[in-house]
Amino acid sequence: MFARRLTIAALLAAGTAPAWAAADRYVLDPTHTYPSIEFPHMGISVWRGKFNRTQGEVALDREARQGTVDIVVDTASIDFGLDPMDEKARSDEWFDVTRYPTAAYKGTIRFDGDTPAAIDGEISFRGITKPLRLAINSFNCVPHPLTKKEVCGADAQGELNWSEWGMAYSEYGKGDAGRLTLRIQVEGQKQD
């Protein structure tokens, strides 16, 4: 079912994405792509969790300094390394995975000179879509040692307040305490 949703999302995105003649397409490797979240816990520690099932693709035209990102996340794959925390995150108070089994991020890559530097996009989860800019902390491409095809990787991050998506979190989930850092670590292989 997750793959079917991604296929539908990709087809919709393909109909609306800019058609750059020299854009290369990179399919994200789900074994090396892990969106993660981190947030304060009662002001005394930081909780971190990652999503274990993610799919997506990136279109990149380095000559024109343009690109797009399309990522779909299986919200039930959240993993804090603590079963009770995972169950809480899947509940209707947080991600409500029964009603909203996926989250998505789509955006346009912004360059600083020849280097991708940020993504201006929208994040959708719990049936709500809002703008979210991600800073690209690192970006690099190398030949894959086995396939010899180009593989690119990046690390991006942004901040949001999950109370804006109706997530109860806890009594501490309002105002600054509702701040959440989203990080997206990706690797994708260039397609023929």
N, C-alpha and C. Protein backbone atom coordinates (compact mmCIF):
# COMPACT_ATOMS: atom_id res chain seq x y z
N MET A 1 0.81 -1.19 0.00
CA MET A 1 0.00 0.00 0.00
C MET A 1 0.86 1.26 0.00
N PHE A 2 1.96 1.24 0.78
CA PHE A 2 2.87 2.39 0.83
C PHE A 2 3.44 2.67 -0.55
N ALA A 3 3.88 1.61 -1.26
CA ALA A 3 4.44 1.77 -2.59
C ALA A 3 3.41 2.33 -3.56
N ARG A 4 2.16 1.91 -3.43
CA ARG A 4 1.11 2.40 -4.31
C ARG A 4 0.89 3.90 -4.10
N ARG A 5 0.88 4.34 -2.84
CA ARG A 5 0.72 5.77 -2.56
C ARG A 5 1.88 6.57 -3.17
N LEU A 6 3.09 6.02 -3.07
CA LEU A 6 4.24 6.71 -3.64
C LEU A 6 4.10 6.82 -5.15
N THR A 7 3.66 5.74 -5.81
CA THR A 7 3.50 5.76 -7.25
C THR A 7 2.51 6.83 -7.66
N ILE A 8 1.39 6.92 -6.96
CA ILE A 8 0.39 7.94 -7.26
C ILE A 8 0.98 9.33 -7.03
N ALA A 9 1.70 9.52 -5.91
CA ALA A 9 2.32 10.82 -5.63
C ALA A 9 3.34 11.18 -6.69
N ALA A 10 4.12 10.21 -7.13
CA ALA A 10 5.14 10.47 -8.15
C ALA A 10 4.50 10.85 -9.47
N LEU A 11 3.40 10.18 -9.83
CA LEU A 11 2.71 10.51 -11.08
C LEU A 11 2.14 11.92 -11.03
N LEU A 12 1.56 12.27 -9.87
CA LEU A 12 1.04 13.63 -9.73
C LEU A 12 2.16 14.65 -9.80
N ALA A 13 3.26 14.36 -9.15
CA ALA A 13 4.40 15.27 -9.16
C ALA A 13 4.96 15.42 -10.56
N ALA A 14 5.01 14.31 -11.32
CA ALA A 14 5.56 14.35 -12.67
C ALA A 14 4.74 15.27 -13.56
N GLY A 15 3.44 15.36 -13.31
CA GLY A 15 2.60 16.22 -14.12
C GLY A 15 2.75 17.68 -13.79
N THR A 16 3.32 18.01 -12.63
CA THR A 16 3.43 19.40 -12.23
C THR A 16 4.86 19.89 -12.12
N ALA A 17 5.83 18.98 -12.16
CA ALA A 17 7.23 19.37 -11.99
C ALA A 17 7.75 20.06 -13.24
N PRO A 18 8.67 21.03 -13.10
CA PRO A 18 9.25 21.67 -14.25
C PRO A 18 9.99 20.66 -15.12
N ALA A 19 9.93 20.84 -16.42
CA ALA A 19 10.59 19.91 -17.35
C ALA A 19 11.90 20.53 -17.82
N TRP A 20 12.97 20.25 -17.11
CA TRP A 20 14.28 20.76 -17.50
C TRP A 20 14.94 19.73 -18.40
N ALA A 21 15.47 20.20 -19.52
CA ALA A 21 16.05 19.29 -20.51
C ALA A 21 17.20 18.49 -19.95
N ALA A 22 18.03 19.08 -19.10
CA ALA A 22 19.24 18.40 -18.62
C ALA A 22 19.10 17.86 -17.20
N ALA A 23 17.87 17.77 -16.69
CA ALA A 23 17.68 17.30 -15.32
C ALA A 23 17.98 15.82 -15.22
N ASP A 24 18.80 15.47 -14.23
CA ASP A 24 19.08 14.07 -13.93
C ASP A 24 18.12 13.63 -12.83
N ARG A 25 17.72 12.36 -12.89
CA ARG A 25 16.78 11.82 -11.92
C ARG A 25 17.52 10.86 -11.00
N TYR A 26 17.32 11.04 -9.69
CA TYR A 26 17.93 10.20 -8.66
C TYR A 26 16.83 9.57 -7.83
N VAL A 27 16.79 8.24 -7.81
CA VAL A 27 15.83 7.54 -6.97
C VAL A 27 16.49 7.33 -5.61
N LEU A 28 15.78 7.72 -4.55
CA LEU A 28 16.35 7.62 -3.22
C LEU A 28 16.45 6.17 -2.77
N ASP A 29 17.56 5.85 -2.15
CA ASP A 29 17.81 4.52 -1.63
C ASP A 29 17.17 4.42 -0.25
N PRO A 30 16.12 3.60 -0.10
CA PRO A 30 15.44 3.55 1.20
C PRO A 30 16.31 3.00 2.33
N THR A 31 17.40 2.31 2.01
CA THR A 31 18.27 1.81 3.06
C THR A 31 19.31 2.84 3.49
N HIS A 32 19.34 3.99 2.82
CA HIS A 32 20.26 5.06 3.18
C HIS A 32 19.55 6.41 3.30
N THR A 33 18.23 6.39 3.42
CA THR A 33 17.45 7.61 3.52
C THR A 33 16.59 7.51 4.78
N TYR A 34 16.88 8.39 5.74
CA TYR A 34 16.18 8.33 7.02
C TYR A 34 15.80 9.73 7.51
N PRO A 35 14.57 10.17 7.22
CA PRO A 35 14.11 11.38 7.89
C PRO A 35 14.06 11.12 9.39
N SER A 36 14.42 12.11 10.17
CA SER A 36 14.38 11.95 11.63
C SER A 36 13.87 13.23 12.27
N ILE A 37 13.40 13.07 13.50
CA ILE A 37 12.89 14.21 14.26
C ILE A 37 13.58 14.24 15.61
N GLU A 38 13.69 15.44 16.14
CA GLU A 38 14.20 15.59 17.51
C GLU A 38 13.48 16.74 18.17
N PHE A 39 13.22 16.57 19.47
CA PHE A 39 12.46 17.59 20.19
C PHE A 39 12.79 17.49 21.68
N PRO A 40 12.59 18.59 22.39
CA PRO A 40 12.89 18.57 23.83
C PRO A 40 11.87 17.76 24.61
N HIS A 41 12.35 17.11 25.66
CA HIS A 41 11.47 16.36 26.56
C HIS A 41 11.52 17.01 27.94
N MET A 42 10.47 17.73 28.27
CA MET A 42 10.33 18.40 29.57
C MET A 42 11.48 19.36 29.86
N GLY A 43 12.18 19.80 28.84
CA GLY A 43 13.28 20.74 29.04
C GLY A 43 14.52 20.14 29.66
N ILE A 44 14.56 18.79 29.77
CA ILE A 44 15.71 18.17 30.43
C ILE A 44 16.52 17.24 29.52
N SER A 45 15.94 16.84 28.40
CA SER A 45 16.67 15.99 27.46
C SER A 45 16.10 16.19 26.07
N VAL A 46 16.64 15.49 25.09
CA VAL A 46 16.18 15.57 23.71
C VAL A 46 15.84 14.16 23.23
N TRP A 47 14.62 13.99 22.73
CA TRP A 47 14.21 12.72 22.14
C TRP A 47 14.50 12.76 20.65
N ARG A 48 14.99 11.64 20.11
CA ARG A 48 15.27 11.53 18.68
C ARG A 48 14.65 10.25 18.14
N GLY A 49 14.01 10.36 16.99
CA GLY A 49 13.43 9.20 16.33
C GLY A 49 13.61 9.31 14.83
N LYS A 50 13.68 8.16 14.16
CA LYS A 50 13.81 8.17 12.71
C LYS A 50 12.69 7.34 12.10
N PHE A 51 12.42 7.62 10.84
CA PHE A 51 11.44 6.85 10.09
C PHE A 51 12.19 5.83 9.25
N ASN A 52 11.84 4.56 9.41
CA ASN A 52 12.59 3.48 8.77
C ASN A 52 12.14 3.16 7.34
N ARG A 53 10.97 3.65 6.92
CA ARG A 53 10.51 3.37 5.56
C ARG A 53 10.19 4.67 4.84
N THR A 54 11.00 4.95 3.82
CA THR A 54 10.91 6.19 3.06
C THR A 54 11.18 5.90 1.60
N GLN A 55 10.49 6.62 0.73
CA GLN A 55 10.73 6.52 -0.71
C GLN A 55 10.69 7.91 -1.31
N GLY A 56 11.32 8.06 -2.46
CA GLY A 56 11.26 9.35 -3.13
C GLY A 56 12.26 9.48 -4.24
N GLU A 57 12.30 10.69 -4.78
CA GLU A 57 13.26 10.97 -5.84
C GLU A 57 13.61 12.45 -5.88
N VAL A 58 14.73 12.71 -6.53
CA VAL A 58 15.23 14.07 -6.71
C VAL A 58 15.51 14.26 -8.19
N ALA A 59 15.10 15.40 -8.74
CA ALA A 59 15.48 15.80 -10.10
C ALA A 59 16.47 16.94 -9.94
N LEU A 60 17.60 16.84 -10.62
CA LEU A 60 18.67 17.83 -10.42
C LEU A 60 19.27 18.23 -11.77
N ASP A 61 19.24 19.53 -12.05
CA ASP A 61 19.87 20.08 -13.24
C ASP A 61 20.95 21.04 -12.74
N ARG A 62 22.17 20.53 -12.63
CA ARG A 62 23.25 21.35 -12.06
C ARG A 62 23.64 22.50 -12.97
N GLU A 63 23.53 22.31 -14.28
CA GLU A 63 23.88 23.39 -15.20
C GLU A 63 22.93 24.57 -15.05
N ALA A 64 21.64 24.28 -14.95
CA ALA A 64 20.64 25.34 -14.78
C ALA A 64 20.48 25.76 -13.32
N ARG A 65 21.14 25.01 -12.40
CA ARG A 65 21.04 25.27 -10.97
C ARG A 65 19.58 25.23 -10.49
N GLN A 66 18.94 24.09 -10.81
CA GLN A 66 17.55 23.88 -10.44
C GLN A 66 17.36 22.43 -10.02
N GLY A 67 16.33 22.20 -9.25
CA GLY A 67 16.02 20.83 -8.87
C GLY A 67 14.74 20.74 -8.07
N THR A 68 14.25 19.51 -7.92
CA THR A 68 13.06 19.26 -7.12
C THR A 68 13.30 18.04 -6.23
N VAL A 69 12.56 17.98 -5.14
CA VAL A 69 12.64 16.89 -4.18
C VAL A 69 11.22 16.40 -3.92
N ASP A 70 11.04 15.08 -3.85
CA ASP A 70 9.74 14.49 -3.56
C ASP A 70 9.97 13.27 -2.67
N ILE A 71 9.59 13.37 -1.40
CA ILE A 71 9.83 12.30 -0.43
C ILE A 71 8.51 11.92 0.24
N VAL A 72 8.26 10.62 0.35
CA VAL A 72 7.07 10.10 1.04
C VAL A 72 7.55 9.19 2.17
N VAL A 73 6.99 9.40 3.35
CA VAL A 73 7.40 8.67 4.55
C VAL A 73 6.23 7.83 5.07
N ASP A 74 6.52 6.60 5.44
CA ASP A 74 5.55 5.73 6.12
C ASP A 74 5.61 6.11 7.60
N THR A 75 4.59 6.81 8.09
CA THR A 75 4.64 7.34 9.46
C THR A 75 4.64 6.24 10.52
N ALA A 76 4.10 5.07 10.21
CA ALA A 76 4.09 3.97 11.18
C ALA A 76 5.49 3.40 11.41
N SER A 77 6.45 3.79 10.57
CA SER A 77 7.81 3.26 10.70
C SER A 77 8.66 4.06 11.68
N ILE A 78 8.04 4.98 12.44
CA ILE A 78 8.78 5.78 13.42
C ILE A 78 9.48 4.86 14.43
N ASP A 79 10.72 5.20 14.75
CA ASP A 79 11.52 4.34 15.63
C ASP A 79 12.36 5.21 16.56
N PHE A 80 11.96 5.24 17.84
CA PHE A 80 12.72 5.95 18.86
C PHE A 80 13.67 5.02 19.60
N GLY A 81 13.57 3.72 19.31
CA GLY A 81 14.37 2.75 20.05
C GLY A 81 13.73 2.39 21.38
N LEU A 82 12.48 2.77 21.56
CA LEU A 82 11.74 2.48 22.79
C LEU A 82 10.30 2.19 22.41
N ASP A 83 9.86 0.96 22.56
CA ASP A 83 8.53 0.55 22.09
C ASP A 83 7.38 1.41 22.60
N PRO A 84 7.32 1.76 23.91
CA PRO A 84 6.21 2.61 24.37
C PRO A 84 6.19 3.98 23.69
N MET A 85 7.37 4.53 23.41
CA MET A 85 7.45 5.83 22.73
C MET A 85 6.97 5.69 21.28
N ASP A 86 7.36 4.59 20.62
CA ASP A 86 6.91 4.35 19.25
C ASP A 86 5.39 4.24 19.19
N GLU A 87 4.81 3.50 20.13
CA GLU A 87 3.35 3.34 20.17
C GLU A 87 2.66 4.68 20.39
N LYS A 88 3.21 5.51 21.28
CA LYS A 88 2.65 6.84 21.53
C LYS A 88 2.69 7.68 20.26
N ALA A 89 3.82 7.62 19.55
CA ALA A 89 3.97 8.41 18.33
C ALA A 89 3.00 7.97 17.24
N ARG A 90 2.65 6.69 17.21
CA ARG A 90 1.72 6.17 16.19
C ARG A 90 0.27 6.47 16.55
N SER A 91 0.00 6.85 17.79
CA SER A 91 -1.37 7.05 18.26
C SER A 91 -2.01 8.30 17.63
N ASP A 92 -3.32 8.45 17.89
CA ASP A 92 -4.03 9.60 17.33
C ASP A 92 -3.61 10.92 17.96
N GLU A 93 -2.90 10.88 19.09
CA GLU A 93 -2.38 12.11 19.69
C GLU A 93 -1.20 12.68 18.91
N TRP A 94 -0.49 11.80 18.22
CA TRP A 94 0.70 12.26 17.48
C TRP A 94 0.48 12.11 15.99
N PHE A 95 1.09 11.10 15.37
CA PHE A 95 1.02 10.96 13.91
C PHE A 95 -0.30 10.39 13.42
N ASP A 96 -1.05 9.74 14.27
CA ASP A 96 -2.35 9.17 13.90
C ASP A 96 -2.22 8.34 12.62
N VAL A 97 -1.37 7.32 12.70
CA VAL A 97 -0.99 6.55 11.50
C VAL A 97 -2.15 5.78 10.90
N THR A 98 -3.19 5.50 11.66
CA THR A 98 -4.35 4.81 11.09
C THR A 98 -5.05 5.70 10.08
N ARG A 99 -5.23 6.96 10.41
CA ARG A 99 -5.89 7.90 9.50
C ARG A 99 -4.93 8.52 8.50
N TYR A 100 -3.67 8.70 8.89
CA TYR A 100 -2.68 9.37 8.04
C TYR A 100 -1.42 8.52 7.94
N PRO A 101 -1.44 7.48 7.12
CA PRO A 101 -0.32 6.54 7.07
C PRO A 101 0.95 7.07 6.42
N THR A 102 0.86 8.21 5.73
CA THR A 102 2.06 8.77 5.12
C THR A 102 2.19 10.25 5.42
N ALA A 103 3.42 10.71 5.34
CA ALA A 103 3.74 12.14 5.38
C ALA A 103 4.57 12.40 4.12
N ALA A 104 4.59 13.64 3.66
CA ALA A 104 5.31 13.94 2.42
C ALA A 104 6.01 15.28 2.51
N TYR A 105 7.11 15.38 1.78
CA TYR A 105 7.80 16.66 1.62
C TYR A 105 8.13 16.83 0.15
N LYS A 106 7.72 17.95 -0.42
CA LYS A 106 8.00 18.28 -1.81
C LYS A 106 8.57 19.69 -1.85
N GLY A 107 9.60 19.88 -2.65
CA GLY A 107 10.18 21.22 -2.70
C GLY A 107 11.06 21.45 -3.90
N THR A 108 11.51 22.69 -3.99
CA THR A 108 12.39 23.15 -5.06
C THR A 108 13.75 23.46 -4.46
N ILE A 109 14.78 22.92 -5.07
CA ILE A 109 16.15 23.12 -4.58
C ILE A 109 16.65 24.49 -5.01
N ARG A 110 17.25 25.21 -4.06
CA ARG A 110 17.86 26.52 -4.32
C ARG A 110 19.38 26.36 -4.24
N PHE A 111 20.07 26.95 -5.18
CA PHE A 111 21.53 26.85 -5.25
C PHE A 111 22.18 28.11 -4.72
N ASP A 112 23.40 27.94 -4.20
CA ASP A 112 24.30 29.04 -3.88
C ASP A 112 25.52 28.79 -4.77
N GLY A 113 25.60 29.52 -5.86
CA GLY A 113 26.63 29.23 -6.86
C GLY A 113 26.31 27.89 -7.51
N ASP A 114 27.25 26.96 -7.45
CA ASP A 114 27.06 25.64 -8.05
C ASP A 114 26.58 24.59 -7.06
N THR A 115 26.33 24.99 -5.82
CA THR A 115 26.03 24.02 -4.77
C THR A 115 24.59 24.15 -4.28
N PRO A 116 23.85 23.03 -4.20
CA PRO A 116 22.52 23.08 -3.58
C PRO A 116 22.64 23.55 -2.13
N ALA A 117 21.87 24.56 -1.76
CA ALA A 117 22.02 25.16 -0.43
C ALA A 117 20.76 25.09 0.42
N ALA A 118 19.59 25.00 -0.20
CA ALA A 118 18.33 24.99 0.56
C ALA A 118 17.23 24.39 -0.31
N ILE A 119 16.14 24.03 0.36
CA ILE A 119 14.96 23.54 -0.34
C ILE A 119 13.77 24.33 0.17
N ASP A 120 13.07 24.99 -0.74
CA ASP A 120 11.82 25.67 -0.40
C ASP A 120 10.69 24.72 -0.74
N GLY A 121 10.00 24.23 0.29
CA GLY A 121 9.00 23.22 0.02
C GLY A 121 7.82 23.27 0.95
N GLU A 122 7.05 22.18 0.89
CA GLU A 122 5.87 22.02 1.73
C GLU A 122 5.91 20.64 2.36
N ILE A 123 5.54 20.59 3.63
CA ILE A 123 5.46 19.33 4.34
C ILE A 123 3.98 19.05 4.62
N SER A 124 3.59 17.81 4.40
CA SER A 124 2.20 17.40 4.62
C SER A 124 2.16 16.22 5.56
N PHE A 125 1.45 16.37 6.65
CA PHE A 125 1.12 15.23 7.48
C PHE A 125 -0.12 15.56 8.31
N ARG A 126 -0.79 14.52 8.76
CA ARG A 126 -2.06 14.65 9.46
C ARG A 126 -3.06 15.48 8.66
N GLY A 127 -3.02 15.38 7.33
CA GLY A 127 -3.97 16.07 6.48
C GLY A 127 -3.76 17.56 6.34
N ILE A 128 -2.64 18.07 6.82
CA ILE A 128 -2.35 19.51 6.78
C ILE A 128 -1.04 19.72 6.05
N THR A 129 -1.02 20.71 5.14
CA THR A 129 0.19 21.05 4.38
C THR A 129 0.61 22.46 4.72
N LYS A 130 1.90 22.62 5.04
CA LYS A 130 2.44 23.94 5.39
C LYS A 130 3.83 24.10 4.77
N PRO A 131 4.23 25.34 4.50
CA PRO A 131 5.57 25.56 3.95
C PRO A 131 6.66 25.23 4.97
N LEU A 132 7.78 24.71 4.45
CA LEU A 132 8.93 24.42 5.31
C LEU A 132 10.20 24.52 4.47
N ARG A 133 11.08 25.42 4.86
CA ARG A 133 12.38 25.55 4.21
C ARG A 133 13.39 24.68 4.94
N LEU A 134 14.13 23.90 4.17
CA LEU A 134 15.19 23.07 4.73
C LEU A 134 16.53 23.62 4.27
N ALA A 135 17.45 23.80 5.20
CA ALA A 135 18.83 24.16 4.86
C ALA A 135 19.57 22.88 4.51
N ILE A 136 20.35 22.90 3.45
CA ILE A 136 21.15 21.75 3.07
C ILE A 136 22.52 21.91 3.72
N ASN A 137 22.81 21.06 4.70
CA ASN A 137 24.06 21.14 5.44
C ASN A 137 25.23 20.53 4.68
N SER A 138 24.96 19.50 3.89
CA SER A 138 26.02 18.88 3.10
C SER A 138 25.40 18.27 1.85
N PHE A 139 26.21 18.23 0.78
CA PHE A 139 25.79 17.64 -0.50
C PHE A 139 27.05 17.17 -1.21
N ASN A 140 27.01 15.93 -1.72
CA ASN A 140 28.17 15.41 -2.45
C ASN A 140 27.73 14.29 -3.37
N CYS A 141 28.42 14.14 -4.48
CA CYS A 141 28.16 13.07 -5.44
C CYS A 141 29.47 12.34 -5.74
N VAL A 142 29.39 11.01 -5.85
CA VAL A 142 30.57 10.18 -6.16
C VAL A 142 30.11 9.01 -7.02
N PRO A 143 31.03 8.35 -7.72
CA PRO A 143 30.67 7.11 -8.42
C PRO A 143 30.44 6.00 -7.39
N HIS A 144 29.35 5.26 -7.53
CA HIS A 144 29.07 4.15 -6.62
C HIS A 144 30.12 3.07 -6.85
N PRO A 145 30.71 2.53 -5.78
CA PRO A 145 31.80 1.56 -5.95
C PRO A 145 31.38 0.27 -6.66
N LEU A 146 30.10 -0.10 -6.59
CA LEU A 146 29.67 -1.34 -7.22
C LEU A 146 29.03 -1.12 -8.59
N THR A 147 28.09 -0.17 -8.66
CA THR A 147 27.37 0.04 -9.91
C THR A 147 28.08 0.99 -10.87
N LYS A 148 29.03 1.77 -10.34
CA LYS A 148 29.77 2.78 -11.10
C LYS A 148 28.89 3.95 -11.54
N LYS A 149 27.60 3.92 -11.17
CA LYS A 149 26.71 5.04 -11.46
C LYS A 149 26.91 6.12 -10.40
N GLU A 150 26.59 7.34 -10.78
CA GLU A 150 26.72 8.43 -9.82
C GLU A 150 25.69 8.27 -8.71
N VAL A 151 26.13 8.45 -7.48
CA VAL A 151 25.25 8.46 -6.32
C VAL A 151 25.50 9.76 -5.57
N CYS A 152 24.41 10.43 -5.19
CA CYS A 152 24.52 11.70 -4.47
C CYS A 152 23.88 11.55 -3.09
N GLY A 153 24.41 12.29 -2.16
CA GLY A 153 23.87 12.28 -0.80
C GLY A 153 23.78 13.69 -0.27
N ALA A 154 22.86 13.88 0.66
CA ALA A 154 22.68 15.19 1.27
C ALA A 154 22.13 15.04 2.68
N ASP A 155 22.33 16.07 3.45
CA ASP A 155 21.76 16.17 4.78
C ASP A 155 21.09 17.53 4.88
N ALA A 156 19.79 17.54 5.18
CA ALA A 156 19.05 18.80 5.25
C ALA A 156 18.30 18.86 6.56
N GLN A 157 18.00 20.08 7.01
CA GLN A 157 17.24 20.22 8.26
C GLN A 157 16.43 21.50 8.27
N GLY A 158 15.35 21.46 9.05
CA GLY A 158 14.49 22.61 9.25
C GLY A 158 13.76 22.48 10.57
N GLU A 159 13.04 23.53 10.96
CA GLU A 159 12.30 23.52 12.23
C GLU A 159 10.84 23.81 11.98
N LEU A 160 10.00 23.18 12.76
CA LEU A 160 8.57 23.43 12.70
C LEU A 160 7.99 23.29 14.10
N ASN A 161 6.73 23.65 14.24
CA ASN A 161 6.06 23.49 15.53
C ASN A 161 4.89 22.53 15.33
N TRP A 162 4.99 21.34 15.91
CA TRP A 162 4.01 20.31 15.60
C TRP A 162 2.63 20.59 16.15
N SER A 163 2.48 21.55 17.04
CA SER A 163 1.13 21.90 17.49
C SER A 163 0.31 22.49 16.34
N GLU A 164 0.98 23.03 15.31
CA GLU A 164 0.28 23.57 14.14
C GLU A 164 -0.38 22.47 13.31
N TRP A 165 0.00 21.23 13.53
CA TRP A 165 -0.60 20.09 12.82
C TRP A 165 -1.58 19.34 13.73
N GLY A 166 -1.92 19.91 14.87
CA GLY A 166 -2.88 19.30 15.76
C GLY A 166 -2.33 18.14 16.57
N MET A 167 -1.02 18.07 16.71
CA MET A 167 -0.42 17.00 17.48
C MET A 167 -0.41 17.37 18.95
N ALA A 168 -1.02 16.54 19.77
CA ALA A 168 -1.16 16.86 21.19
C ALA A 168 0.18 16.80 21.89
N TYR A 169 1.05 15.87 21.51
CA TYR A 169 2.37 15.66 22.12
C TYR A 169 2.21 15.43 23.61
N SER A 170 2.04 16.46 24.37
CA SER A 170 1.82 16.36 25.81
C SER A 170 1.47 17.75 26.30
N GLU A 171 1.36 17.90 27.60
CA GLU A 171 1.09 19.24 28.12
C GLU A 171 2.22 20.21 27.81
N TYR A 172 3.38 19.67 27.38
CA TYR A 172 4.52 20.53 27.06
C TYR A 172 4.59 20.85 25.57
N GLY A 173 3.58 20.45 24.79
CA GLY A 173 3.67 20.55 23.34
C GLY A 173 3.22 21.85 22.74
N LYS A 174 3.05 22.89 23.51
CA LYS A 174 2.61 24.17 22.98
C LYS A 174 3.76 25.17 22.97
N GLY A 175 3.63 26.19 22.14
CA GLY A 175 4.64 27.25 22.09
C GLY A 175 6.01 26.70 21.74
N ASP A 176 7.04 27.26 22.36
CA ASP A 176 8.41 26.83 22.07
C ASP A 176 8.64 25.36 22.37
N ALA A 177 7.92 24.82 23.35
CA ALA A 177 8.10 23.41 23.70
C ALA A 177 7.61 22.49 22.59
N GLY A 178 6.79 23.01 21.66
CA GLY A 178 6.31 22.21 20.54
C GLY A 178 7.24 22.23 19.35
N ARG A 179 8.39 22.89 19.49
CA ARG A 179 9.34 22.95 18.37
C ARG A 179 9.92 21.58 18.08
N LEU A 180 10.09 21.34 16.82
CA LEU A 180 10.59 20.05 16.37
C LEU A 180 11.62 20.30 15.28
N THR A 181 12.76 19.65 15.37
CA THR A 181 13.75 19.72 14.29
C THR A 181 13.57 18.51 13.41
N LEU A 182 13.42 18.75 12.12
CA LEU A 182 13.30 17.69 11.13
C LEU A 182 14.61 17.63 10.36
N ARG A 183 15.18 16.45 10.29
CA ARG A 183 16.39 16.24 9.50
C ARG A 183 16.07 15.19 8.44
N ILE A 184 16.58 15.40 7.25
CA ILE A 184 16.40 14.41 6.18
C ILE A 184 17.77 14.08 5.62
N GLN A 185 18.18 12.85 5.86
CA GLN A 185 19.44 12.32 5.34
C GLN A 185 19.07 11.46 4.14
N VAL A 186 19.61 11.77 2.96
CA VAL A 186 19.24 11.04 1.75
C VAL A 186 20.46 10.60 0.95
N GLU A 187 20.30 9.50 0.24
CA GLU A 187 21.23 9.07 -0.79
C GLU A 187 20.40 8.57 -1.96
N GLY A 188 20.80 8.95 -3.16
CA GLY A 188 20.06 8.52 -4.34
C GLY A 188 20.99 8.22 -5.49
N GLN A 189 20.63 7.21 -6.28
CA GLN A 189 21.45 6.83 -7.42
C GLN A 189 20.87 7.38 -8.71
N LYS A 190 21.73 7.91 -9.55
CA LYS A 190 21.33 8.49 -10.83
C LYS A 190 20.74 7.39 -11.72
N GLN A 191 19.61 7.73 -12.34
CA GLN A 191 18.92 6.79 -13.23
C GLN A 191 19.31 7.04 -14.68
N ASP A 192 19.30 5.97 -15.47
CA ASP A 192 19.63 6.09 -16.91
C ASP A 192 18.51 6.78 -17.66
